[in-house]
C-alpha atoms as a PDB file:
ATOM      1  CA  MET A   1     -51.582  37.021 -36.160  1.00  0.00           C
ATOM      2  CA  THR A   2     -51.266  33.392 -35.075  1.00  0.00           C
ATOM      3  CA  ARG A   3     -50.448  33.164 -31.372  1.00  0.00           C
ATOM      4  CA  LEU A   4     -49.599  29.854 -29.717  1.00  0.00           C
ATOM      5  CA  ILE A   5     -49.045  28.804 -26.131  1.00  0.00           C
ATOM      6  CA  GLN A   6     -47.840  25.644 -24.404  1.00  0.00           C
ATOM      7  CA  ILE A   7     -49.551  24.423 -21.236  1.00  0.00           C
ATOM      8  CA  LYS A   8     -49.076  21.506 -18.876  1.00  0.00           C
ATOM      9  CA  LYS A   9     -51.197  19.665 -16.312  1.00  0.00           C
ATOM     10  CA  GLY A  10     -49.332  16.928 -14.460  1.00  0.00           C
ATOM     11  CA  ASN A  11     -47.581  14.922 -17.163  1.00  0.00           C
ATOM     12  CA  VAL A  12     -49.921  16.091 -19.897  1.00  0.00           C
ATOM     13  CA  ARG A  13     -48.787  18.803 -22.292  1.00  0.00           C
ATOM     14  CA  ARG A  14     -50.926  20.619 -24.876  1.00  0.00           C
ATOM     15  CA  VAL A  15     -50.544  23.363 -27.446  1.00  0.00           C
ATOM     16  CA  ALA A  16     -53.311  25.909 -28.000  1.00  0.00           C
ATOM     17  CA  LEU A  17     -54.235  28.778 -30.304  1.00  0.00           C
ATOM     18  CA  VAL A  18     -54.943  32.009 -28.469  1.00  0.00           C
ATOM     19  CA  GLU A  19     -58.475  33.204 -29.283  1.00  0.00           C
ATOM     20  CA  GLU A  20     -59.092  35.719 -26.510  1.00  0.00           C
ATOM     21  CA  PRO A  21     -60.526  35.082 -24.004  1.00  0.00           C
ATOM     22  CA  LYS A  22     -60.265  31.381 -24.908  1.00  0.00           C
ATOM     23  CA  LEU A  23     -57.519  28.921 -25.765  1.00  0.00           C
ATOM     24  CA  ARG A  24     -58.392  26.514 -28.582  1.00  0.00           C
ATOM     25  CA  LEU A  25     -56.534  23.226 -28.054  1.00  0.00           C
ATOM     26  CA  LEU A  26     -54.731  21.497 -30.906  1.00  0.00           C
ATOM     27  CA  ASP A  27     -55.152  17.787 -31.552  1.00  0.00           C
ATOM     28  CA  ALA A  28     -52.297  15.291 -31.665  1.00  0.00           C
ATOM     29  CA  CYS A  29     -49.669  17.825 -30.631  1.00  0.00           C
ATOM     30  CA  SER A  30     -47.990  18.187 -27.253  1.00  0.00           C
ATOM     31  CA  SER A  31     -45.367  20.869 -28.004  1.00  0.00           C
ATOM     32  CA  ILE A  32     -44.622  23.704 -30.399  1.00  0.00           C
ATOM     33  CA  TYR A  33     -41.388  21.856 -31.126  1.00  0.00           C
ATOM     34  CA  GLU A  34     -43.435  18.931 -32.460  1.00  0.00           C
ATOM     35  CA  LEU A  35     -45.732  21.269 -34.403  1.00  0.00           C
ATOM     36  CA  ALA A  36     -42.769  23.012 -36.038  1.00  0.00           C
ATOM     37  CA  LEU A  37     -41.211  19.697 -37.047  1.00  0.00           C
ATOM     38  CA  ILE A  38     -44.504  18.651 -38.645  1.00  0.00           C
ATOM     39  CA  ALA A  39     -44.635  21.914 -40.606  1.00  0.00           C
ATOM     40  CA  ILE A  40     -41.023  21.570 -41.802  1.00  0.00           C
ATOM     41  CA  THR A  41     -41.521  17.940 -42.857  1.00  0.00           C
ATOM     42  CA  ALA A  42     -44.772  18.725 -44.695  1.00  0.00           C
ATOM     43  CA  GLY A  43     -43.422  21.881 -46.304  1.00  0.00           C
ATOM     44  CA  MET A  44     -46.290  23.908 -44.821  1.00  0.00           C
ATOM     45  CA  LYS A  45     -46.587  27.162 -42.929  1.00  0.00           C
ATOM     46  CA  LEU A  46     -46.699  26.675 -39.162  1.00  0.00           C
ATOM     47  CA  SER A  47     -49.851  28.802 -38.914  1.00  0.00           C
ATOM     48  CA  GLU A  48     -51.614  26.487 -41.419  1.00  0.00           C
ATOM     49  CA  VAL A  49     -50.641  23.346 -39.497  1.00  0.00           C
ATOM     50  CA  ALA A  50     -51.840  24.901 -36.258  1.00  0.00           C
ATOM     51  CA  ARG A  51     -55.229  25.836 -37.686  1.00  0.00           C
ATOM     52  CA  GLN A  52     -55.669  22.422 -39.258  1.00  0.00           C
ATOM     53  CA  ARG A  53     -55.263  20.826 -35.820  1.00  0.00           C
ATOM     54  CA  ALA A  54     -57.403  23.355 -33.912  1.00  0.00           C
ATOM     55  CA  LYS A  55     -60.580  21.620 -32.779  1.00  0.00           C
ATOM     56  CA  ARG A  56     -63.651  22.414 -30.704  1.00  0.00           C
ATOM     57  CA  GLU A  57     -62.134  21.951 -27.244  1.00  0.00           C
ATOM     58  CA  THR A  58     -61.350  25.261 -25.521  1.00  0.00           C
ATOM     59  CA  LEU A  59     -60.125  26.477 -22.134  1.00  0.00           C
ATOM     60  CA  ASP A  60     -60.575  29.805 -20.385  1.00  0.00           C
ATOM     61  CA  TYR A  61     -57.318  31.762 -20.662  1.00  0.00           C
ATOM     62  CA  ASP A  62     -57.727  33.990 -17.574  1.00  0.00           C
ATOM     63  CA  PRO A  63     -57.394  31.335 -14.815  1.00  0.00           C
ATOM     64  CA  ILE A  64     -54.388  29.747 -16.560  1.00  0.00           C
ATOM     65  CA  TYR A  65     -52.638  33.101 -17.006  1.00  0.00           C
ATOM     66  CA  SER A  66     -53.310  34.120 -13.386  1.00  0.00           C
ATOM     67  CA  GLY A  67     -52.223  30.757 -11.937  1.00  0.00           C
ATOM     68  CA  GLN A  68     -55.707  29.773 -10.750  1.00  0.00           C
ATOM     69  CA  SER A  69     -55.970  26.640 -12.909  1.00  0.00           C
ATOM     70  CA  GLU A  70     -54.575  23.121 -12.834  1.00  0.00           C
ATOM     71  CA  TRP A  71     -53.054  23.974 -16.202  1.00  0.00           C
ATOM     72  CA  ARG A  72     -49.897  26.030 -16.032  1.00  0.00           C
ATOM     73  CA  LEU A  73     -48.089  27.968 -18.721  1.00  0.00           C
ATOM     74  CA  LEU A  74     -44.798  26.733 -20.137  1.00  0.00           C
ATOM     75  CA  PRO A  75     -42.223  28.923 -21.905  1.00  0.00           C
ATOM     76  CA  ALA A  76     -43.312  29.893 -25.422  1.00  0.00           C
ATOM     77  CA  ILE A  77     -40.794  27.328 -26.757  1.00  0.00           C
ATOM     78  CA  ASP A  78     -38.687  24.555 -25.290  1.00  0.00           C
ATOM     79  CA  HIS A  79     -37.021  21.334 -26.358  1.00  0.00           C
ATOM     80  CA  PRO A  80     -39.416  18.855 -24.723  1.00  0.00           C
ATOM     81  CA  TYR A  81     -36.972  15.947 -24.811  1.00  0.00           C
ATOM     82  CA  GLU A  82     -33.502  17.449 -24.250  1.00  0.00           C
ATOM     83  CA  PRO A  83     -33.489  20.950 -22.650  1.00  0.00           C
ATOM     84  CA  SER A  84     -29.735  21.197 -23.297  1.00  0.00           C
ATOM     85  CA  ARG A  85     -30.500  21.198 -27.045  1.00  0.00           C
ATOM     86  CA  CYS A  86     -32.152  24.576 -26.720  1.00  0.00           C
ATOM     87  CA  LEU A  87     -29.448  27.263 -27.095  1.00  0.00           C
ATOM     88  CA  ILE A  88     -30.195  30.690 -25.623  1.00  0.00           C
ATOM     89  CA  SER A  89     -28.169  33.592 -26.995  1.00  0.00           C
ATOM     90  CA  GLY A  90     -28.455  37.275 -27.723  1.00  0.00           C
ATOM     91  CA  THR A  91     -27.266  40.255 -29.692  1.00  0.00           C
ATOM     92  CA  GLY A  92     -26.219  43.442 -27.917  1.00  0.00           C
ATOM     93  CA  LEU A  93     -25.528  46.994 -29.074  1.00  0.00           C
ATOM     94  CA  THR A  94     -28.357  46.816 -31.590  1.00  0.00           C
ATOM     95  CA  HIS A  95     -30.404  49.783 -30.282  1.00  0.00           C
ATOM     96  CA  LEU A  96     -29.170  53.356 -29.975  1.00  0.00           C
ATOM     97  CA  GLY A  97     -30.147  53.553 -26.298  1.00  0.00           C
ATOM     98  CA  SER A  98     -28.292  50.340 -25.457  1.00  0.00           C
ATOM     99  CA  ALA A  99     -25.095  51.750 -26.970  1.00  0.00           C
ATOM    100  CA  ARG A 100     -25.453  54.984 -25.010  1.00  0.00           C
ATOM    101  CA  GLY A 101     -26.022  53.040 -21.792  1.00  0.00           C
ATOM    102  CA  ARG A 102     -23.035  50.801 -22.389  1.00  0.00           C
ATOM    103  CA  GLN A 103     -20.856  53.824 -23.233  1.00  0.00           C
ATOM    104  CA  ALA A 104     -21.851  55.502 -19.970  1.00  0.00           C
ATOM    105  CA  MET A 105     -21.275  52.296 -18.019  1.00  0.00           C
ATOM    106  CA  HIS A 106     -17.724  51.734 -19.224  1.00  0.00           C
ATOM    107  CA  ALA A 107     -16.407  55.148 -20.276  1.00  0.00           C
ATOM    108  CA  SER A 108     -13.462  56.733 -18.509  1.00  0.00           C
ATOM    109  CA  GLY A 109     -12.282  60.312 -18.701  1.00  0.00           C
ATOM    110  CA  ALA A 110      -9.272  59.403 -20.819  1.00  0.00           C
ATOM    111  CA  GLU A 111     -11.239  57.454 -23.424  1.00  0.00           C
ATOM    112  CA  GLU A 112     -12.910  58.998 -26.439  1.00  0.00           C
ATOM    113  CA  LEU A 113     -14.877  55.900 -27.397  1.00  0.00           C
ATOM    114  CA  THR A 114     -15.306  52.615 -25.578  1.00  0.00           C
ATOM    115  CA  ASP A 115     -15.020  49.338 -27.474  1.00  0.00           C
ATOM    116  CA  SER A 116     -18.802  49.065 -27.104  1.00  0.00           C
ATOM    117  CA  MET A 117     -19.405  52.309 -28.940  1.00  0.00           C
ATOM    118  CA  LYS A 118     -16.900  51.341 -31.638  1.00  0.00           C
ATOM    119  CA  MET A 119     -18.765  48.101 -32.217  1.00  0.00           C
ATOM    120  CA  PHE A 120     -22.075  49.951 -32.298  1.00  0.00           C
ATOM    121  CA  ARG A 121     -20.716  52.274 -34.989  1.00  0.00           C
ATOM    122  CA  TRP A 122     -19.606  49.274 -37.034  1.00  0.00           C
ATOM    123  CA  GLY A 123     -23.224  48.163 -36.916  1.00  0.00           C
ATOM    124  CA  VAL A 124     -24.476  51.586 -37.990  1.00  0.00           C
ATOM    125  CA  ASP A 125     -22.040  51.591 -40.917  1.00  0.00           C
ATOM    126  CA  GLY A 126     -22.382  47.974 -42.014  1.00  0.00           C
ATOM    127  CA  GLY A 127     -25.205  46.218 -40.183  1.00  0.00           C
ATOM    128  CA  ARG A 128     -27.822  46.568 -42.918  1.00  0.00           C
ATOM    129  CA  PRO A 129     -26.203  45.104 -46.050  1.00  0.00           C
ATOM    130  CA  ALA A 130     -27.940  44.715 -49.410  1.00  0.00           C
ATOM    131  CA  GLU A 131     -29.966  41.584 -50.146  1.00  0.00           C
ATOM    132  CA  GLY A 132     -27.652  38.569 -50.273  1.00  0.00           C
ATOM    133  CA  ALA A 133     -24.644  40.488 -48.952  1.00  0.00           C
ATOM    134  CA  ILE A 134     -22.931  39.876 -45.596  1.00  0.00           C
ATOM    135  CA  GLY A 135     -22.723  42.845 -43.231  1.00  0.00           C
ATOM    136  CA  ALA A 136     -20.770  43.664 -40.101  1.00  0.00           C
ATOM    137  CA  PRO A 137     -21.139  41.087 -37.335  1.00  0.00           C
ATOM    138  CA  PRO A 138     -23.044  42.215 -34.229  1.00  0.00           C
ATOM    139  CA  GLU A 139     -22.024  41.627 -30.639  1.00  0.00           C
ATOM    140  CA  TRP A 140     -23.080  38.071 -29.717  1.00  0.00           C
ATOM    141  CA  PHE A 141     -23.315  36.386 -26.327  1.00  0.00           C
ATOM    142  CA  HIS A 142     -24.198  32.966 -24.961  1.00  0.00           C
ATOM    143  CA  LYS A 143     -27.014  32.996 -22.405  1.00  0.00           C
ATOM    144  CA  GLY A 144     -27.283  29.305 -21.506  1.00  0.00           C
ATOM    145  CA  THR A 145     -29.432  26.328 -22.465  1.00  0.00           C
ATOM    146  CA  GLY A 146     -33.110  25.532 -22.062  1.00  0.00           C
ATOM    147  CA  CYS A 147     -32.371  24.641 -18.434  1.00  0.00           C
ATOM    148  CA  ALA A 148     -32.215  28.413 -17.757  1.00  0.00           C
ATOM    149  CA  LEU A 149     -35.499  29.212 -19.487  1.00  0.00           C
ATOM    150  CA  ARG A 150     -38.476  30.169 -17.318  1.00  0.00           C
ATOM    151  CA  ALA A 151     -42.168  30.658 -18.086  1.00  0.00           C
ATOM    152  CA  HIS A 152     -44.578  33.464 -17.269  1.00  0.00           C
ATOM    153  CA  ALA A 153     -45.090  33.758 -13.478  1.00  0.00           C
ATOM    154  CA  GLU A 154     -41.972  31.729 -12.633  1.00  0.00           C
ATOM    155  CA  PRO A 155     -39.280  33.577 -10.643  1.00  0.00           C
ATOM    156  CA  LEU A 156     -35.967  34.723 -12.085  1.00  0.00           C
ATOM    157  CA  ASP A 157     -33.069  34.131  -9.751  1.00  0.00           C
ATOM    158  CA  ILE A 158     -30.318  36.319  -8.393  1.00  0.00           C
ATOM    159  CA  PRO A 159     -27.895  33.602  -7.240  1.00  0.00           C
ATOM    160  CA  CYS A 160     -25.744  33.950  -4.150  1.00  0.00           C
ATOM    161  CA  TYR A 161     -22.594  34.599  -6.191  1.00  0.00           C
ATOM    162  CA  ALA A 162     -24.217  37.399  -8.250  1.00  0.00           C
ATOM    163  CA  GLU A 163     -23.568  41.088  -7.854  1.00  0.00           C
ATOM    164  CA  ASP A 164     -27.051  42.049  -8.955  1.00  0.00           C
ATOM    165  CA  GLY A 165     -29.966  41.127 -11.246  1.00  0.00           C
ATOM    166  CA  GLY A 166     -31.887  43.307 -13.641  1.00  0.00           C
ATOM    167  CA  GLU A 167     -34.595  43.041 -16.268  1.00  0.00           C
ATOM    168  CA  GLU A 168     -33.923  43.348 -19.981  1.00  0.00           C
ATOM    169  CA  ALA A 169     -37.222  43.743 -21.829  1.00  0.00           C
ATOM    170  CA  GLU A 170     -36.779  42.341 -25.342  1.00  0.00           C
ATOM    171  CA  ILE A 171     -38.267  40.476 -28.259  1.00  0.00           C
ATOM    172  CA  ALA A 172     -36.653  37.113 -28.973  1.00  0.00           C
ATOM    173  CA  GLY A 173     -36.541  35.145 -32.193  1.00  0.00           C
ATOM    174  CA  VAL A 174     -37.370  31.440 -31.914  1.00  0.00           C
ATOM    175  CA  TYR A 175     -35.818  28.978 -34.356  1.00  0.00           C
ATOM    176  CA  MET A 176     -35.609  25.283 -35.166  1.00  0.00           C
ATOM    177  CA  VAL A 177     -32.871  23.689 -37.246  1.00  0.00           C
ATOM    178  CA  ALA A 178     -34.479  21.417 -39.835  1.00  0.00           C
ATOM    179  CA  PRO A 179     -33.366  17.790 -40.263  1.00  0.00           C
ATOM    180  CA  ASP A 180     -31.283  18.877 -43.281  1.00  0.00           C
ATOM    181  CA  GLY A 181     -29.494  21.601 -41.275  1.00  0.00           C
ATOM    182  CA  ARG A 182     -31.452  24.612 -42.546  1.00  0.00           C
ATOM    183  CA  PRO A 183     -32.337  27.151 -39.827  1.00  0.00           C
ATOM    184  CA  CYS A 184     -36.062  27.940 -39.744  1.00  0.00           C
ATOM    185  CA  ARG A 185     -37.686  30.810 -37.857  1.00  0.00           C
ATOM    186  CA  ILE A 186     -40.693  29.585 -35.879  1.00  0.00           C
ATOM    187  CA  GLY A 187     -41.716  33.027 -34.681  1.00  0.00           C
ATOM    188  CA  PHE A 188     -41.123  35.677 -32.041  1.00  0.00           C
ATOM    189  CA  ALA A 189     -41.956  36.043 -28.353  1.00  0.00           C
ATOM    190  CA  VAL A 190     -41.655  38.695 -25.692  1.00  0.00           C
ATOM    191  CA  GLY A 191     -38.817  37.966 -23.278  1.00  0.00           C
ATOM    192  CA  ASN A 192     -36.871  39.083 -20.229  1.00  0.00           C
ATOM    193  CA  GLU A 193     -33.151  38.605 -20.809  1.00  0.00           C
ATOM    194  CA  PHE A 194     -32.335  38.874 -17.103  1.00  0.00           C
ATOM    195  CA  SER A 195     -28.680  39.820 -16.472  1.00  0.00           C
ATOM    196  CA  ASP A 196     -26.171  40.949 -13.817  1.00  0.00           C
ATOM    197  CA  HIS A 197     -25.485  44.561 -14.798  1.00  0.00           C
ATOM    198  CA  GLN A 198     -23.485  45.357 -11.682  1.00  0.00           C
ATOM    199  CA  LEU A 199     -20.962  42.652 -12.545  1.00  0.00           C
ATOM    200  CA  GLU A 200     -20.753  43.862 -16.148  1.00  0.00           C
ATOM    201  CA  LYS A 201     -20.209  47.436 -15.004  1.00  0.00           C
ATOM    202  CA  LYS A 202     -17.032  46.418 -13.155  1.00  0.00           C
ATOM    203  CA  ASN A 203     -15.410  45.482 -16.434  1.00  0.00           C
ATOM    204  CA  TYR A 204     -16.798  44.782 -19.894  1.00  0.00           C
ATOM    205  CA  LEU A 205     -14.835  41.509 -19.978  1.00  0.00           C
ATOM    206  CA  TYR A 206     -17.245  40.236 -17.311  1.00  0.00           C
ATOM    207  CA  LEU A 207     -20.113  40.464 -19.824  1.00  0.00           C
ATOM    208  CA  ALA A 208     -20.008  36.727 -20.632  1.00  0.00           C
ATOM    209  CA  GLY A 209     -20.408  35.728 -16.985  1.00  0.00           C
ATOM    210  CA  SER A 210     -23.046  38.380 -16.332  1.00  0.00           C
ATOM    211  CA  LYS A 211     -25.311  36.759 -18.937  1.00  0.00           C
ATOM    212  CA  LEU A 212     -25.304  33.262 -17.427  1.00  0.00           C
ATOM    213  CA  ARG A 213     -28.568  33.694 -15.524  1.00  0.00           C
ATOM    214  CA  THR A 214     -32.133  32.496 -15.747  1.00  0.00           C
ATOM    215  CA  CYS A 215     -34.356  34.294 -18.265  1.00  0.00           C
ATOM    216  CA  SER A 216     -37.967  34.103 -19.338  1.00  0.00           C
ATOM    217  CA  LEU A 217     -39.972  33.812 -22.530  1.00  0.00           C
ATOM    218  CA  GLY A 218     -43.641  34.032 -23.383  1.00  0.00           C
ATOM    219  CA  PRO A 219     -46.355  33.490 -22.504  1.00  0.00           C
ATOM    220  CA  GLU A 220     -47.230  33.505 -26.228  1.00  0.00           C
ATOM    221  CA  LEU A 221     -45.315  32.667 -29.405  1.00  0.00           C
ATOM    222  CA  VAL A 222     -46.358  34.851 -32.348  1.00  0.00           C
ATOM    223  CA  VAL A 223     -45.823  32.811 -35.502  1.00  0.00           C
ATOM    224  CA  ASP A 224     -46.326  35.490 -38.147  1.00  0.00           C
ATOM    225  CA  ALA A 225     -45.383  38.645 -36.279  1.00  0.00           C
ATOM    226  CA  GLU A 226     -44.137  41.817 -37.963  1.00  0.00           C
ATOM    227  CA  PHE A 227     -40.724  42.787 -36.624  1.00  0.00           C
ATOM    228  CA  GLU A 228     -40.502  46.328 -37.914  1.00  0.00           C
ATOM    229  CA  SER A 229     -41.284  48.719 -35.049  1.00  0.00           C
ATOM    230  CA  THR A 230     -42.962  47.274 -31.976  1.00  0.00           C
ATOM    231  CA  PRO A 231     -43.810  49.328 -28.874  1.00  0.00           C
ATOM    232  CA  VAL A 232     -42.527  47.656 -25.693  1.00  0.00           C
ATOM    233  CA  THR A 233     -43.152  48.696 -22.080  1.00  0.00           C
ATOM    234  CA  ALA A 234     -41.029  47.470 -19.172  1.00  0.00           C
ATOM    235  CA  THR A 235     -42.421  47.841 -15.638  1.00  0.00           C
ATOM    236  CA  ILE A 236     -41.024  47.142 -12.174  1.00  0.00           C
ATOM    237  CA  GLU A 237     -43.526  46.688  -9.337  1.00  0.00           C
ATOM    238  CA  ARG A 238     -42.604  46.706  -5.660  1.00  0.00           C
ATOM    239  CA  ASP A 239     -45.112  45.930  -2.893  1.00  0.00           C
ATOM    240  CA  GLY A 240     -47.942  46.058  -5.421  1.00  0.00           C
ATOM    241  CA  LYS A 241     -47.083  49.527  -6.729  1.00  0.00           C
ATOM    242  CA  VAL A 242     -45.286  50.627  -9.896  1.00  0.00           C
ATOM    243  CA  LEU A 243     -41.725  51.608  -8.975  1.00  0.00           C
ATOM    244  CA  TRP A 244     -40.423  52.228 -12.501  1.00  0.00           C
ATOM    245  CA  ALA A 245     -41.770  52.030 -16.045  1.00  0.00           C
ATOM    246  CA  LYS A 246     -40.444  52.963 -19.480  1.00  0.00           C
ATOM    247  CA  SER A 247     -41.457  52.412 -23.075  1.00  0.00           C
ATOM    248  CA  PHE A 248     -39.393  52.063 -26.229  1.00  0.00           C
ATOM    249  CA  HIS A 249     -39.650  50.602 -29.720  1.00  0.00           C
ATOM    250  CA  THR A 250     -37.867  47.540 -31.021  1.00  0.00           C
ATOM    251  CA  GLY A 251     -37.690  45.957 -34.456  1.00  0.00           C
ATOM    252  CA  GLU A 252     -35.687  46.304 -37.649  1.00  0.00           C
ATOM    253  CA  SER A 253     -36.399  49.989 -38.143  1.00  0.00           C
ATOM    254  CA  GLU A 254     -35.222  50.717 -34.576  1.00  0.00           C
ATOM    255  CA  MET A 255     -31.948  48.789 -34.868  1.00  0.00           C
ATOM    256  CA  CYS A 256     -28.618  49.286 -36.623  1.00  0.00           C
ATOM    257  CA  HIS A 257     -28.545  45.649 -37.767  1.00  0.00           C
ATOM    258  CA  SER A 258     -31.131  44.073 -40.031  1.00  0.00           C
ATOM    259  CA  LEU A 259     -32.816  40.881 -38.860  1.00  0.00           C
ATOM    260  CA  ARG A 260     -31.356  39.068 -41.867  1.00  0.00           C
ATOM    261  CA  ASN A 261     -27.817  40.141 -40.901  1.00  0.00           C
ATOM    262  CA  ILE A 262     -28.247  39.097 -37.253  1.00  0.00           C
ATOM    263  CA  GLU A 263     -29.626  35.709 -38.278  1.00  0.00           C
ATOM    264  CA  HIS A 264     -26.813  35.120 -40.775  1.00  0.00           C
ATOM    265  CA  HIS A 265     -24.100  35.807 -38.222  1.00  0.00           C
ATOM    266  CA  HIS A 266     -25.768  33.524 -35.681  1.00  0.00           C
ATOM    267  CA  PHE A 267     -26.311  30.587 -38.007  1.00  0.00           C
ATOM    268  CA  LYS A 268     -23.058  30.903 -40.001  1.00  0.00           C
ATOM    269  CA  PHE A 269     -21.481  28.754 -37.289  1.00  0.00           C
ATOM    270  CA  GLU A 270     -21.770  25.062 -38.086  1.00  0.00           C
ATOM    271  CA  LEU A 271     -22.345  24.294 -34.395  1.00  0.00           C
ATOM    272  CA  HIS A 272     -25.509  26.431 -34.581  1.00  0.00           C
ATOM    273  CA  ARG A 273     -26.947  24.311 -37.406  1.00  0.00           C
ATOM    274  CA  ARG A 274     -27.265  20.988 -35.668  1.00  0.00           C
ATOM    275  CA  PRO A 275     -30.480  19.308 -36.873  1.00  0.00           C
ATOM    276  CA  SER A 276     -33.487  19.447 -34.506  1.00  0.00           C
ATOM    277  CA  ASP A 277     -31.912  22.004 -32.132  1.00  0.00           C
ATOM    278  CA  ILE A 278     -33.980  24.902 -30.847  1.00  0.00           C
ATOM    279  CA  HIS A 279     -32.527  28.428 -30.674  1.00  0.00           C
ATOM    280  CA  VAL A 280     -33.832  31.395 -28.685  1.00  0.00           C
ATOM    281  CA  HIS A 281     -32.093  34.638 -29.623  1.00  0.00           C
ATOM    282  CA  PHE A 282     -32.708  37.925 -27.805  1.00  0.00           C
ATOM    283  CA  PHE A 283     -32.488  41.027 -30.025  1.00  0.00           C
ATOM    284  CA  GLY A 284     -31.643  43.648 -27.413  1.00  0.00           C
ATOM    285  CA  THR A 285     -33.322  46.453 -25.535  1.00  0.00           C
ATOM    286  CA  ASP A 286     -33.338  50.231 -25.483  1.00  0.00           C
ATOM    287  CA  CYS A 287     -33.826  50.845 -21.747  1.00  0.00           C
ATOM    288  CA  LEU A 288     -32.914  49.334 -18.392  1.00  0.00           C
ATOM    289  CA  SER A 289     -34.101  50.174 -14.902  1.00  0.00           C
ATOM    290  CA  PHE A 290     -30.460  49.720 -13.871  1.00  0.00           C
ATOM    291  CA  SER A 291     -29.573  52.799 -15.952  1.00  0.00           C
ATOM    292  CA  ASP A 292     -31.968  54.780 -13.747  1.00  0.00           C
ATOM    293  CA  HIS A 293     -30.224  53.505 -10.590  1.00  0.00           C
ATOM    294  CA  ILE A 294     -32.926  50.963  -9.722  1.00  0.00           C
ATOM    295  CA  ARG A 295     -31.631  47.969  -7.761  1.00  0.00           C
ATOM    296  CA  LEU A 296     -34.102  45.081  -7.894  1.00  0.00           C
ATOM    297  CA  GLN A 297     -35.045  43.391  -4.623  1.00  0.00           C
ATOM    298  CA  ASP A 298     -36.457  40.038  -3.656  1.00  0.00           C
ATOM    299  CA  GLY A 299     -40.167  39.961  -4.551  1.00  0.00           C
ATOM    300  CA  ASP A 300     -40.082  42.765  -7.127  1.00  0.00           C
ATOM    301  CA  VAL A 301     -42.190  41.910 -10.156  1.00  0.00           C
ATOM    302  CA  MET A 302     -40.878  42.594 -13.660  1.00  0.00           C
ATOM    303  CA  GLN A 303     -43.347  42.942 -16.507  1.00  0.00           C
ATOM    304  CA  VAL A 304     -42.645  43.071 -20.233  1.00  0.00           C
ATOM    305  CA  ALA A 305     -45.486  43.981 -22.583  1.00  0.00           C
ATOM    306  CA  ALA A 306     -45.156  44.293 -26.371  1.00  0.00           C
ATOM    307  CA  GLU A 307     -47.929  45.473 -28.657  1.00  0.00           C
ATOM    308  CA  GLY A 308     -49.185  42.610 -30.832  1.00  0.00           C
ATOM    309  CA  PHE A 309     -47.417  39.914 -28.787  1.00  0.00           C
ATOM    310  CA  GLY A 310     -50.294  38.884 -26.553  1.00  0.00           C
ATOM    311  CA  ARG A 311     -50.484  39.110 -22.797  1.00  0.00           C
ATOM    312  CA  PRO A 312     -47.590  40.562 -20.766  1.00  0.00           C
ATOM    313  CA  LEU A 313     -44.780  38.433 -19.386  1.00  0.00           C
ATOM    314  CA  ARG A 314     -44.492  38.756 -15.612  1.00  0.00           C
ATOM    315  CA  ASN A 315     -41.774  37.300 -13.354  1.00  0.00           C
ATOM    316  CA  ALA A 316     -40.838  37.945  -9.772  1.00  0.00           C
ATOM    317  CA  VAL A 317     -37.270  38.432  -8.602  1.00  0.00           C
ATOM    318  CA  ARG A 318     -36.026  35.698  -6.279  1.00  0.00           C
ATOM    319  CA  THR A 319     -32.840  36.432  -4.352  1.00  0.00           C
ATOM    320  CA  ALA A 320     -30.802  33.544  -2.974  1.00  0.00           C
ATOM    321  CA  LYS A 321     -30.660  33.457   0.812  1.00  0.00           C
ATOM    322  CA  SER A 322     -27.565  31.305   1.004  1.00  0.00           C
ATOM    323  CA  GLU A 323     -23.940  32.413   1.075  1.00  0.00           C
ATOM    324  CA  PRO A 324     -21.544  31.611  -1.775  1.00  0.00           C
ATOM    325  CA  GLU A 325     -20.027  28.140  -1.403  1.00  0.00           C
ATOM    326  CA  PHE A 326     -16.593  27.212  -2.661  1.00  0.00           C
ATOM    327  CA  ILE A 327     -16.928  24.612  -5.436  1.00  0.00           C
ATOM    328  CA  LYS A 328     -14.199  22.029  -5.202  1.00  0.00           C
ATOM    329  CA  VAL A 329     -13.334  19.989  -8.259  1.00  0.00           C
ATOM    330  CA  ILE A 330     -12.614  16.319  -7.624  1.00  0.00           C
ATOM    331  CA  PRO A 331      -9.534  15.085  -9.539  1.00  0.00           C
ATOM    332  CA  LEU A 332     -10.004  11.672 -11.133  1.00  0.00           C
ATOM    333  CA  GLY A 333      -6.433  11.203 -12.328  1.00  0.00           C
END
């Protein structure tokens, strides 16, 4: 599979092919965004364009990955010119385990089925339509813009106004909208869709606000990945020791919605087909440490590893030390 990374040293950006244990730098290309635009314009596969530009110059991957180099890793995709033109979103209730967890989080003794479980069942019944047909829409949420996107080894924040913060180990689809408005899938990357589960647990209607947090992607973008059934392992480390770890599978065969159906319902909105925009869409998870009563603390390290997606994504938890401050709006009338 073709695996790409973005790196930066000072004001210099480069794109490289991963050829373990080396990184082969690409010529005349400073971002995957630029590389994807070249492929779209030329009508070529992204993997072909990348290999055409791969030259002799290589770097050792280990010191960059471990933070011991002048080069540092960037997220597996970004909008290098306007971060706000990178939309981060996600689809929930796609995996059986996620529906069970949501049901347990919001169920009451008087309720037979929560709205979450009803929506999950709609996906089971109609989330995998025939070729060319439109199926049931999945749950969709807005996560933020590229300003919230973090790279491998960068901290994910629990802000002072948050109730909590918790990992969500997932695979994310990465897309660019072509100049003519056609959505194009660039590839997939491992991600941590970090969220405030304690806030969501209070009431499902708080879900939207619970998602507006930093999240991470990378370190590698897999251009031609199979998204059928991928083993994923999520790990929480505290004080250098493993506190919690679980594995699950993600991909089309593990979900109630097909990839084609999820992508249709995301890009059916005209606002999601603005030329040259980047989209990062998280496809959901099947396990959370929060479900096992783990409360993350400042300094805990979250790791997400997916088979076939390159090196693991690792991010520390950073808890705000300040107290919530009242935000006063200034009237201009």
